[in-house]
């Protein structure tokens, strides 16, 4: 086994171990998307979702999942823009969260 294989194996193990934490972050984004859709996104949930999106962006990037990192960055950008709170924006957020869920499933299967 070479060093690259050892590193890849270790990174995959860490990714699998943190899977529940990452899933919880995505679930938080889903809660925010649902709240935005129904017009009851609280400032606390908004702030938490923005933080979770930022964290996910870094986590996905660190583990080499660039597409998921890009999607998380889009979620973060949408959440930071307080002018984006209409039904179309909520629908976009819902779609982005679904993309994150798919990327997460793909990343877990690949690990």
Protein backbone atom coordinates (compact mmCIF):
# COMPACT_ATOMS: atom_id res chain seq x y z
CA UNK A 1 0.00 0.00 0.00
CA UNK A 2 1.40 3.39 -1.00
CA UNK A 3 1.08 6.60 0.94
CA UNK A 4 -1.61 7.93 -1.42
CA UNK A 5 -3.68 4.80 -0.89
CA UNK A 6 -3.26 5.11 2.87
CA UNK A 7 -4.30 8.76 2.79
CA UNK A 8 -7.33 8.03 0.60
CA UNK A 9 -8.37 5.18 2.87
CA UNK A 10 -8.02 7.42 5.94
CA UNK A 11 -9.95 10.29 4.33
CA UNK A 12 -12.75 7.93 3.31
CA UNK A 13 -12.93 6.56 6.85
CA UNK A 14 -13.15 10.07 8.32
CA UNK A 15 -15.86 10.99 5.79
CA UNK A 16 -17.91 7.92 6.72
CA UNK A 17 -17.50 8.66 10.45
CA UNK A 18 -18.74 12.24 10.01
CA UNK A 19 -21.64 11.25 7.80
CA UNK A 20 -24.28 11.79 10.50
CA UNK A 21 -23.00 15.28 11.26
CA UNK A 22 -23.07 16.20 7.57
CA UNK A 23 -26.57 14.75 7.22
CA UNK A 24 -27.70 16.85 10.20
CA UNK A 25 -26.32 19.97 8.51
CA UNK A 26 -28.22 19.16 5.30
CA UNK A 27 -31.36 18.50 7.36
CA UNK A 28 -30.99 21.97 8.91
CA UNK A 29 -30.87 23.44 5.41
CA UNK A 30 -34.04 21.52 4.57
CA UNK A 31 -35.76 22.99 7.62
CA UNK A 32 -34.78 26.48 6.48
CA UNK A 33 -35.97 25.80 2.94
CA UNK A 34 -39.31 24.54 4.24
CA UNK A 35 -39.68 27.56 6.53
CA UNK A 36 -38.86 29.93 3.68
CA UNK A 37 -41.40 28.18 1.47
CA UNK A 38 -44.13 28.69 4.09
CA UNK A 39 -43.05 32.24 4.88
CA UNK A 40 -41.95 31.62 8.45
CA UNK A 41 -38.15 31.63 8.32
CA UNK A 42 -37.05 32.94 11.71
CA UNK A 43 -33.85 34.98 12.06
CA UNK A 44 -32.38 32.22 14.23
CA UNK A 45 -33.05 29.49 11.66
CA UNK A 46 -31.80 31.75 8.90
CA UNK A 47 -28.52 32.38 10.74
CA UNK A 48 -28.07 28.71 11.60
CA UNK A 49 -28.74 27.60 8.01
CA UNK A 50 -26.27 30.16 6.68
CA UNK A 51 -23.62 28.87 9.07
CA UNK A 52 -24.36 25.24 8.19
CA UNK A 53 -24.14 25.97 4.45
CA UNK A 54 -20.78 27.67 4.98
CA UNK A 55 -19.51 24.73 7.01
CA UNK A 56 -20.76 22.21 4.45
CA UNK A 57 -19.05 24.15 1.69
CA UNK A 58 -15.72 23.70 3.46
CA UNK A 59 -16.32 20.09 4.45
CA UNK A 60 -17.26 19.00 0.96
CA UNK A 61 -14.28 20.88 -0.50
CA UNK A 62 -11.87 19.35 2.02
CA UNK A 63 -12.94 15.86 1.05
CA UNK A 64 -12.76 16.53 -2.69
CA UNK A 65 -16.50 16.79 -3.44
CA UNK A 66 -16.27 19.96 -5.50
CA UNK A 67 -19.78 19.84 -6.98
CA UNK A 68 -21.34 19.52 -3.52
CA UNK A 69 -19.12 22.34 -2.28
CA UNK A 70 -20.33 24.55 -5.13
CA UNK A 71 -23.97 23.74 -4.32
CA UNK A 72 -23.39 24.52 -0.64
CA UNK A 73 -21.82 27.84 -1.68
CA UNK A 74 -24.97 28.63 -3.69
CA UNK A 75 -27.10 27.86 -0.63
CA UNK A 76 -24.90 30.08 1.51
CA UNK A 77 -25.14 32.91 -1.02
CA UNK A 78 -28.93 32.64 -1.20
CA UNK A 79 -29.23 32.57 2.60
CA UNK A 80 -26.99 35.63 2.98
CA UNK A 81 -29.07 37.68 0.55
CA UNK A 82 -31.94 38.88 2.73
CA UNK A 83 -33.76 40.22 -0.31
CA UNK A 84 -34.20 36.66 -1.60
CA UNK A 85 -37.15 35.38 0.35
CA UNK A 86 -39.97 34.97 -2.18
CA UNK A 87 -41.59 31.72 -3.35
CA UNK A 88 -39.21 31.39 -6.31
CA UNK A 89 -36.20 31.72 -4.01
CA UNK A 90 -37.69 29.15 -1.64
CA UNK A 91 -38.17 26.78 -4.56
CA UNK A 92 -34.57 27.32 -5.64
CA UNK A 93 -33.39 26.62 -2.10
CA UNK A 94 -35.45 23.41 -2.04
CA UNK A 95 -33.80 22.30 -5.28
CA UNK A 96 -30.32 23.11 -4.00
CA UNK A 97 -30.93 21.11 -0.83
CA UNK A 98 -32.10 18.16 -2.94
CA UNK A 99 -28.89 18.42 -4.98
CA UNK A 100 -26.91 18.36 -1.73
CA UNK A 101 -28.79 15.26 -0.61
CA UNK A 102 -27.98 13.50 -3.89
CA UNK A 103 -24.34 14.59 -3.73
CA UNK A 104 -24.15 13.35 -0.16
CA UNK A 105 -25.53 9.95 -1.12
CA UNK A 106 -23.08 9.73 -4.02
CA UNK A 107 -20.17 10.74 -1.80
CA UNK A 108 -21.06 8.14 0.83
CA UNK A 109 -21.35 5.44 -1.81
CA UNK A 110 -17.95 6.44 -3.22
CA UNK A 111 -16.24 6.41 0.20
